[in-house]
Protein backbone atom coordinates (compact mmCIF):
# COMPACT_ATOMS: atom_id res chain seq x y z
CA MET A 1 0.14 -0.15 0.07
CA LEU A 2 1.19 3.60 -0.92
CA LEU A 3 0.41 6.13 1.87
CA PRO A 4 0.58 9.75 1.96
CA SER A 5 3.43 11.53 2.66
CA SER A 6 1.57 14.22 4.66
CA SER A 7 -2.12 15.31 6.02
CA LYS A 8 -2.42 17.58 3.24
CA ASP A 9 -2.54 14.20 0.77
CA ALA A 10 -4.94 12.53 2.73
CA THR A 11 -8.16 12.00 1.06
CA PRO A 12 -11.90 12.51 2.93
CA SER A 13 -13.19 10.08 4.40
CA SER A 14 -11.92 7.46 2.34
CA VAL A 15 -10.91 4.67 3.94
CA LEU A 16 -7.50 3.17 3.62
CA GLN A 17 -6.79 -0.74 4.02
CA VAL A 18 -3.73 -1.73 6.19
CA SER A 19 -2.36 -4.93 7.50
CA ARG A 20 -1.89 -5.90 11.01
CA HIS A 21 1.66 -5.34 10.88
CA GLN A 22 1.44 -1.65 9.51
CA ALA A 23 -1.14 -1.26 12.11
CA ARG A 24 1.48 -2.12 14.77
CA LEU A 25 4.02 -0.59 13.54
CA LEU A 26 1.98 2.86 13.71
CA LEU A 27 0.85 2.63 17.38
CA LEU A 28 4.65 1.56 18.56
CA LYS A 29 6.33 4.10 16.69
CA LYS A 30 3.83 6.37 17.64
CA GLN A 31 4.42 5.73 21.41
CA PHE A 32 8.30 5.87 21.17
CA LEU A 33 8.49 1.48 21.25
CA TRP A 34 10.33 1.01 18.07
CA PRO A 35 12.64 -0.23 19.48
CA PRO A 36 12.20 0.73 23.63
CA ARG A 37 14.27 3.02 25.54
CA SER A 38 15.55 5.05 22.32
CA LEU A 39 15.27 8.26 24.04
CA GLN A 40 17.21 10.04 26.85
CA GLY A 41 17.04 12.41 29.99
CA ARG A 42 14.83 15.11 30.20
CA GLN A 43 14.81 15.86 26.53
CA GLY A 44 13.46 12.37 25.75
CA LEU A 45 10.80 12.95 28.50
CA LEU A 46 9.63 15.66 26.76
CA SER A 47 9.90 14.33 23.49
CA TYR A 48 7.25 11.77 24.23
CA LEU A 49 4.54 13.94 25.93
CA GLU A 50 5.45 16.25 23.18
CA ARG A 51 3.98 13.28 20.95
CA VAL A 52 1.18 11.73 23.43
CA ARG A 53 0.37 14.51 25.51
CA MET A 54 -0.62 12.99 28.63
CA VAL A 55 0.33 9.54 30.64
CA GLN A 56 -2.14 8.68 33.03
CA TYR A 57 -1.59 8.97 36.77
CA ASP A 58 -1.90 5.97 39.32
CA PRO A 59 -0.51 5.85 42.53
CA VAL A 60 -0.02 2.26 43.02
CA ASN A 61 3.73 1.39 43.65
CA LEU A 62 4.60 -2.05 44.11
CA VAL A 63 7.56 -2.45 41.59
CA GLY A 64 7.32 1.48 39.82
CA THR A 65 4.28 3.95 39.90
CA ASN A 66 2.09 3.61 36.22
CA PRO A 67 3.74 6.91 34.82
CA CYS A 68 7.14 5.46 35.91
CA ILE A 69 7.29 2.70 34.60
CA THR A 70 5.57 3.79 30.95
CA ILE A 71 7.83 6.38 30.69
CA ASN A 72 11.01 4.05 31.45
CA ALA A 73 10.10 1.89 28.78
CA ARG A 74 10.67 5.05 26.12
CA VAL A 75 13.64 6.95 28.30
CA LYS A 76 16.87 5.23 28.72
CA ASP A 77 18.07 5.54 32.49
CA PHE A 78 15.44 7.24 33.59
CA LYS A 79 14.57 7.66 37.22
CA PRO A 80 11.75 8.29 39.14
CA GLN A 81 13.20 11.80 40.49
CA MET A 82 13.30 12.89 37.21
CA LEU A 83 9.78 13.01 36.73
CA GLU A 84 9.27 14.47 40.36
CA ASP A 85 11.18 17.43 39.43
CA MET A 86 9.71 17.91 36.09
CA LEU A 87 6.40 18.00 37.45
CA TYR A 88 6.96 19.74 40.85
CA ARG A 89 9.90 21.79 41.16
CA ASP A 90 10.74 22.93 37.30
CA ARG A 91 6.57 23.27 36.54
CA LEU A 92 7.22 21.84 32.58
CA LEU A 93 4.66 18.85 33.69
CA PHE A 94 1.42 19.10 35.54
CA ASP A 95 -0.38 16.69 37.38
CA HIS A 96 -3.74 17.38 35.95
CA TRP A 97 -7.08 15.73 34.78
CA ASP A 98 -7.76 14.79 31.47
CA ARG A 99 -8.38 11.49 30.24
CA CYS A 100 -8.04 10.49 34.22
CA ALA A 101 -5.70 11.67 36.47
CA SER A 102 -3.02 12.60 34.31
CA ILE A 103 0.56 14.19 33.81
CA VAL A 104 0.10 16.67 30.87
CA LEU A 105 2.11 19.52 29.90
CA LEU A 106 1.88 23.49 30.97
CA GLU A 107 1.08 24.53 27.25
CA ASP A 108 -2.21 22.08 27.62
CA LEU A 109 -3.20 23.50 30.71
CA PRO A 110 -5.73 26.58 29.27
CA PRO A 111 -7.27 24.31 26.59
CA LEU A 112 -7.82 21.72 29.59
CA GLN A 113 -9.78 23.92 31.26
CA ARG A 114 -13.25 23.22 29.43
CA ASN A 115 -12.89 19.35 30.61
CA ARG A 116 -12.08 20.19 34.22
CA SER A 117 -15.51 19.22 36.33
CA ASP A 118 -15.96 19.19 39.57
CA THR A 119 -17.37 15.80 39.47
CA ASN A 120 -13.74 14.34 38.59
CA TRP A 121 -12.48 15.51 41.82
CA ARG A 122 -15.08 16.02 44.56
CA ALA A 123 -15.45 13.65 47.35
CA ARG A 124 -17.93 11.12 47.41
CA SER A 125 -20.82 13.16 49.26
CA ARG A 126 -21.43 15.71 46.74
CA ARG A 127 -22.45 18.00 49.43
CA PRO A 128 -23.49 21.12 48.85
CA VAL A 129 -20.96 23.82 50.68
CA PRO A 130 -21.63 27.06 52.15
CA PRO A 131 -19.63 30.17 49.83
CA SER A 132 -18.40 31.38 53.53
CA LEU A 133 -16.04 28.01 53.59
CA TYR A 134 -14.01 28.79 50.38
CA LYS A 135 -12.69 32.03 52.09
CA LYS A 136 -11.81 30.19 55.35
CA VAL A 137 -9.84 27.07 53.17
CA LYS A 138 -8.03 29.42 51.44
CA ASN A 139 -7.06 31.90 54.17
CA ARG A 140 -5.59 28.23 56.25
CA LEU A 141 -3.74 27.34 52.91
CA ALA A 142 -2.35 30.87 52.27
CA LYS A 143 -1.15 30.98 56.58
CA SER A 144 -0.02 27.28 56.26
CA GLU A 145 3.83 26.55 56.08
CA GLU A 146 3.52 23.39 54.22
CA ALA A 147 1.20 22.35 51.64
CA LEU A 148 -1.59 20.59 52.87
CA THR A 149 -3.85 17.03 52.57
CA THR A 150 -7.49 16.43 52.76
CA SER A 151 -6.98 15.18 55.57
CA SER A 152 -5.53 18.40 57.42
CA PHE A 153 -9.00 19.08 57.31
CA SER A 154 -11.32 17.61 59.93
CA ASP A 155 -14.71 18.94 58.44
CA ILE A 156 -16.15 17.01 55.78
CA ASP A 157 -17.89 20.74 53.95
CA GLU A 158 -13.94 22.32 54.00
CA ARG A 159 -12.12 19.22 52.08
CA GLU A 160 -15.16 19.46 49.92
CA ALA A 161 -14.47 23.23 49.26
CA LEU A 162 -10.89 22.46 49.35
CA LEU A 163 -11.54 20.43 45.72
CA LEU A 164 -13.78 22.54 44.15
CA LEU A 165 -11.30 24.98 44.84
CA LEU A 166 -9.21 22.37 43.16
CA ALA A 167 -11.72 22.23 39.80
CA LYS A 168 -11.48 25.91 40.08
CA GLY A 169 -7.72 26.62 40.00
CA GLU A 170 -7.33 27.67 42.66
CA VAL A 171 -5.55 25.20 44.78
CA GLU A 172 -3.28 23.14 42.63
CA ILE A 173 -1.37 20.06 43.61
CA HIS A 174 1.99 20.68 44.96
CA HIS A 175 3.16 17.14 45.14
CA ARG A 176 1.98 13.87 46.12
CA GLU A 177 3.20 11.35 48.38
CA GLY A 178 1.78 7.86 47.13
CA PRO A 179 -1.70 8.41 46.82
CA ARG A 180 -1.83 11.53 49.08
CA ARG A 181 -2.09 14.40 47.41
CA PHE A 182 -0.59 18.03 49.00
CA PHE A 183 -2.51 20.84 47.91
CA THR A 184 -1.05 24.45 48.22
CA LEU A 185 -2.88 28.00 46.27
CA THR A 186 -1.94 28.81 42.96
CA PRO A 187 0.47 31.41 42.24
CA ASP A 188 -0.65 34.07 40.78
CA SER A 189 1.33 33.44 37.93
CA ARG A 190 -0.27 30.63 37.11
CA LYS A 191 -3.84 31.69 37.85
CA HIS A 192 -4.56 32.93 33.82
CA LEU A 193 -3.55 29.01 32.94
CA TYR A 194 -6.61 27.94 34.79
CA SER A 195 -9.07 30.21 34.70
CA ASP A 196 -9.88 30.95 31.43
CA ARG A 197 -12.29 28.43 29.80
CA SER A 198 -13.34 30.52 26.52
CA TYR A 199 -10.59 28.74 24.50
CA PHE A 200 -12.27 27.37 21.96
CA ASN A 201 -15.26 29.80 20.19
CA SER A 202 -17.47 26.34 20.45
CA GLU A 203 -18.57 23.52 21.57
CA ASP A 204 -18.19 21.17 19.02
CA GLU A 205 -14.02 22.82 18.52
CA PHE A 206 -13.46 21.46 21.84
CA PHE A 207 -15.03 18.36 20.88
CA ALA A 208 -13.05 18.23 18.03
CA TRP A 209 -9.49 18.87 20.04
CA MET A 210 -10.22 16.22 22.57
CA ILE A 211 -10.86 13.54 20.16
CA LYS A 212 -8.01 14.58 18.03
CA ARG A 213 -5.80 14.19 20.66
CA ARG A 214 -7.13 11.31 21.98
CA ILE A 215 -5.95 9.16 19.10
CA GLY A 216 -2.74 11.40 18.88
CA SER A 217 -2.26 10.19 22.90
CA THR A 218 -2.26 6.45 21.41
CA GLY A 219 -2.20 6.17 17.93
CA LEU A 220 -5.31 4.50 16.95
CA LEU A 221 -8.51 4.71 17.87
CA ALA A 222 -10.94 1.91 17.78
CA GLY A 223 -14.77 3.07 17.04
CA LEU A 224 -16.30 5.46 18.62
CA SER A 225 -17.13 3.22 21.25
CA SER A 226 -13.27 3.00 22.50
CA ILE A 227 -12.09 3.87 25.75
CA GLY A 228 -9.74 6.15 24.63
CA LEU A 229 -12.90 8.47 24.49
CA HIS A 230 -13.40 8.55 28.18
CA SER A 231 -14.33 11.59 30.01
CA ILE A 232 -14.91 14.41 27.79
CA VAL A 233 -17.32 16.48 29.21
CA GLY A 234 -20.42 17.38 27.78
CA LEU A 235 -19.44 14.25 24.63
CA ASN A 236 -22.28 12.49 24.44
CA PRO A 237 -23.04 9.88 21.33
CA THR A 238 -24.59 12.45 19.43
CA ALA A 239 -22.39 14.74 19.74
CA LYS A 240 -19.60 12.69 18.98
CA ARG A 241 -20.73 11.07 15.99
CA ARG A 242 -21.59 14.37 14.87
CA VAL A 243 -17.90 15.47 15.29
CA HIS A 244 -16.57 12.57 14.43
CA GLN A 245 -18.09 12.56 10.77
CA GLN A 246 -16.72 16.86 10.58
CA LEU A 247 -13.35 15.96 11.66
CA LEU A 248 -13.36 12.93 8.51
CA ASN A 249 -15.36 15.12 6.26
CA ARG A 250 -12.13 17.83 6.71
CA GLY A 251 -9.57 15.12 6.13
CA GLU A 252 -8.08 15.51 10.23
CA ILE A 253 -8.50 12.06 10.83
CA CYS A 254 -8.06 9.11 8.75
CA GLU A 255 -10.59 5.60 8.37
CA LEU A 256 -8.06 2.55 8.60
CA GLN A 257 -9.28 -1.00 7.42
CA VAL A 258 -7.10 -3.39 9.38
CA ASP A 259 -7.34 -6.91 7.41
CA ASP A 260 -10.67 -8.68 8.48
CA SER A 261 -11.08 -6.34 11.67
CA LYS A 262 -14.69 -5.64 12.04
CA MET A 263 -14.05 -2.52 14.64
CA PRO A 264 -12.78 0.70 11.91
CA TYR A 265 -9.82 2.32 12.86
CA TYR A 266 -8.98 6.19 13.03
CA CYS A 267 -5.60 8.15 13.38
CA LEU A 268 -3.81 11.14 12.59
CA PRO A 269 -2.87 12.04 8.79
CA ASP A 270 0.45 13.29 9.89
CA ASP A 271 0.63 9.96 11.63
CA MET A 272 0.56 7.53 8.38
CA PRO A 273 3.88 7.72 7.51
CA LEU A 274 4.95 5.87 10.65
CA MET A 275 3.02 2.61 8.77
CA GLN A 276 5.94 2.47 6.38
CA GLU A 277 8.63 0.12 6.54
CA ASP A 278 12.26 0.91 7.50
CA LYS A 279 15.59 -1.14 8.15
CA ALA A 280 15.22 -3.64 10.13
CA LEU A 281 16.28 -3.05 13.99
CA PRO A 282 17.00 -5.83 16.33
CA PRO A 283 14.38 -6.42 18.28
CA LYS A 284 14.46 -5.31 21.95
CA ALA A 285 12.23 -5.79 25.37
CA CYS A 286 10.30 -3.97 27.91
CA PHE A 287 7.85 -4.34 30.42
CA LEU A 288 4.46 -2.04 29.70
CA ALA A 289 2.72 -1.07 32.85
CA PRO A 290 -1.13 -1.71 33.47
CA LEU A 291 -2.19 1.68 32.18
CA ASP A 292 0.33 1.81 29.38
CA ASN A 293 -1.25 4.85 26.99
CA LEU A 294 -0.63 1.49 24.21
CA LEU A 295 -3.12 -0.67 26.82
CA TRP A 296 -5.74 1.77 27.14
CA ASP A 297 -8.10 0.27 24.64
CA ARG A 298 -7.87 -3.58 25.98
CA ARG A 299 -10.16 -4.64 22.74
CA MET A 300 -7.80 -2.88 20.49
CA ILE A 301 -4.69 -4.54 21.92
CA GLU A 302 -6.68 -8.19 21.53
CA ASP A 303 -7.09 -7.30 17.86
CA LEU A 304 -3.69 -6.09 16.84
CA PHE A 305 -1.84 -8.14 19.04
CA ASN A 306 -4.04 -11.18 20.03
CA PHE A 307 -3.27 -10.55 23.99
CA SER A 308 -6.25 -10.71 26.10
CA TYR A 309 -5.25 -8.25 29.14
CA ARG A 310 -6.83 -7.41 32.17
CA TRP A 311 -5.15 -5.87 35.21
CA GLU A 312 -6.19 -7.82 38.02
CA ILE A 313 -5.15 -5.60 40.98
CA TYR A 314 -8.59 -4.92 41.87
CA THR A 315 -9.94 -9.14 41.40
CA LYS A 316 -10.39 -10.99 44.71
CA ASP A 317 -7.08 -13.40 45.22
CA ASP A 318 -9.19 -16.86 44.54
CA LYS A 319 -10.12 -15.17 41.00
CA ARG A 320 -6.89 -13.87 39.44
CA VAL A 321 -5.28 -15.60 36.53
CA TYR A 322 -2.23 -14.27 36.78
CA GLY A 323 -1.05 -11.62 40.01
CA PRO A 324 -2.51 -8.39 40.95
CA TYR A 325 0.17 -6.44 38.78
CA THR A 326 1.46 -8.42 36.32
CA LEU A 327 3.37 -6.59 33.21
CA PRO A 328 2.62 -7.77 29.13
CA VAL A 329 6.34 -7.91 27.89
CA LEU A 330 6.84 -6.44 24.27
CA TYR A 331 9.73 -7.71 22.51
CA GLY A 332 10.03 -6.37 18.51
CA GLU A 333 6.54 -5.94 17.48
CA GLU A 334 4.57 -8.57 19.21
CA ILE A 335 3.79 -8.92 22.96
CA ILE A 336 5.35 -12.51 23.60
CA ALA A 337 4.52 -12.82 27.73
CA ARG A 338 3.15 -11.13 31.12
CA THR A 339 5.11 -10.81 34.19
CA GLN A 340 4.87 -10.33 37.82
CA LEU A 341 7.43 -8.81 39.62
CA GLN A 342 8.58 -8.24 43.27
CA LEU A 343 10.70 -6.05 45.15
CA ASP A 344 12.72 -7.96 47.64
CA GLU A 345 15.45 -6.91 49.97
CA ASN A 346 16.50 -4.36 47.60
CA MET A 347 16.45 -6.97 44.78
CA LEU A 348 13.46 -7.13 41.80
CA ARG A 349 12.48 -10.31 41.12
CA VAL A 350 10.51 -12.31 38.95
CA THR A 351 7.89 -14.44 40.71
CA GLY A 352 5.61 -15.22 37.84
CA TRP A 353 6.39 -15.29 33.94
CA TRP A 354 3.16 -16.73 31.68
CA TRP A 355 4.02 -16.91 28.26
CA GLN A 356 1.46 -16.42 25.40
CA ALA A 357 0.64 -19.73 23.38
CA ALA A 358 2.41 -19.17 20.28
CA VAL A 359 5.65 -17.33 21.30
CA LYS A 360 8.66 -19.67 21.16
CA PRO A 361 11.78 -18.39 23.32
CA THR A 362 14.78 -17.63 20.88
CA LYS A 363 18.29 -16.85 22.90
CA LYS A 364 17.85 -13.57 21.71
CA MET A 365 14.50 -12.80 22.58
CA LEU A 366 15.75 -13.93 26.28
CA HIS A 367 19.02 -12.00 26.54
CA ALA A 368 16.30 -8.62 25.33
CA VAL A 369 14.00 -9.61 28.37
CA GLU A 370 17.13 -9.55 30.26
CA ALA A 371 18.17 -6.43 29.68
CA ALA A 372 14.48 -5.04 30.23
CA LEU A 373 14.64 -6.61 33.68
CA LYS A 374 17.80 -4.85 34.45
CA ALA A 375 16.45 -1.35 33.03
CA HIS A 376 13.36 -1.92 35.11
CA ALA A 377 15.72 -2.82 38.40
CA THR A 378 17.98 0.75 37.12
CA MET A 379 14.38 2.82 37.69
CA LEU A 380 14.01 1.46 40.99
CA GLY A 381 17.62 1.58 42.31
CA THR A 382 17.94 -1.56 42.93
CA ILE A 383 19.79 -5.14 41.11
CA ALA A 384 17.50 -7.25 39.14
CA VAL A 385 17.93 -11.04 40.25
CA SER A 386 19.16 -12.91 37.25
CA GLU A 387 18.09 -16.34 38.53
CA SER A 388 14.56 -15.47 39.41
CA LEU A 389 14.48 -14.64 35.68
CA ALA A 390 15.93 -17.99 34.50
CA ASN A 391 13.83 -19.95 36.88
CA ALA A 392 10.62 -18.01 35.50
CA LEU A 393 11.52 -18.73 31.99
CA ASP A 394 12.12 -23.03 32.50
């Protein structure tokens, strides 16, 4: 298939036939996973965010948090402190709401304000908050020498006021310690980033921007029901269909037919060249985080990679098939296995390994997996126990 070299060559509303191999290439190149760990340092981390625009945040930290594992798969010699500094010291990245709790770029804060909703942040009680409490909470934050958490406020209405101030942009997340968020008043220098929700001229313009943003965050969108379009404020099925058709008609998104798949796929025109073949690269391996951008849409991963994945951390022990925090293992363009890792006395051990049924391990594959384990251990500041990997692979 001859691919267009740029978006201006795309034909509006045409459907292009591509293979699963080409679809996987687009995804993996878009995600800087062709090959893994091809980026370096802070600039590499920024390059990744500039391409995908967001990484999903999750505080669970058994062998690294979701954003750290996600970034480590792309950025060589990544350390969690690098992300902490860029988020909470340098403020190049922001702890914000997008698809879910996410890490986003500073420049995306103004257009994202329209996607902020008090339901994203508030406690479950959703109690009405007396207006006088806003002033009381802000005064306390202003007088405190340290950032405060919700537990710093004993009154439930004050907690609600704190979270509503976060939704309004008058309060921001100062830093996190595990699952705990610490809050301070938004400094005057950043208030303008949160206060103006008139960035878009119309609701459809906002929806179009968000749909393209979500497609760009993964590389491909598998149909309009894809979970990749989750959590866009106001986007109901009617609006989704309308704006989706507008984007197709204007050539701002491309529709793909992937082999015999029953799902329509969509990508951004500028990403079409990613499907072109290039010189063969020695395959490398990496571990994928449970909420890695590549894995958002489990249906798409099963369709394109023949890999069925479920994050079992919230599954009862007797109903788990694998383990509470299994990580898919990517090798080249295939997901070949899943693994359960464990930190034990400053050592990273492999406590579970499950090959995909069709995979036949080779020496090259095993050496690549060992390199991926060492890279993960380096991120955690520990050492990998190769014996545990060898035992697991037997």
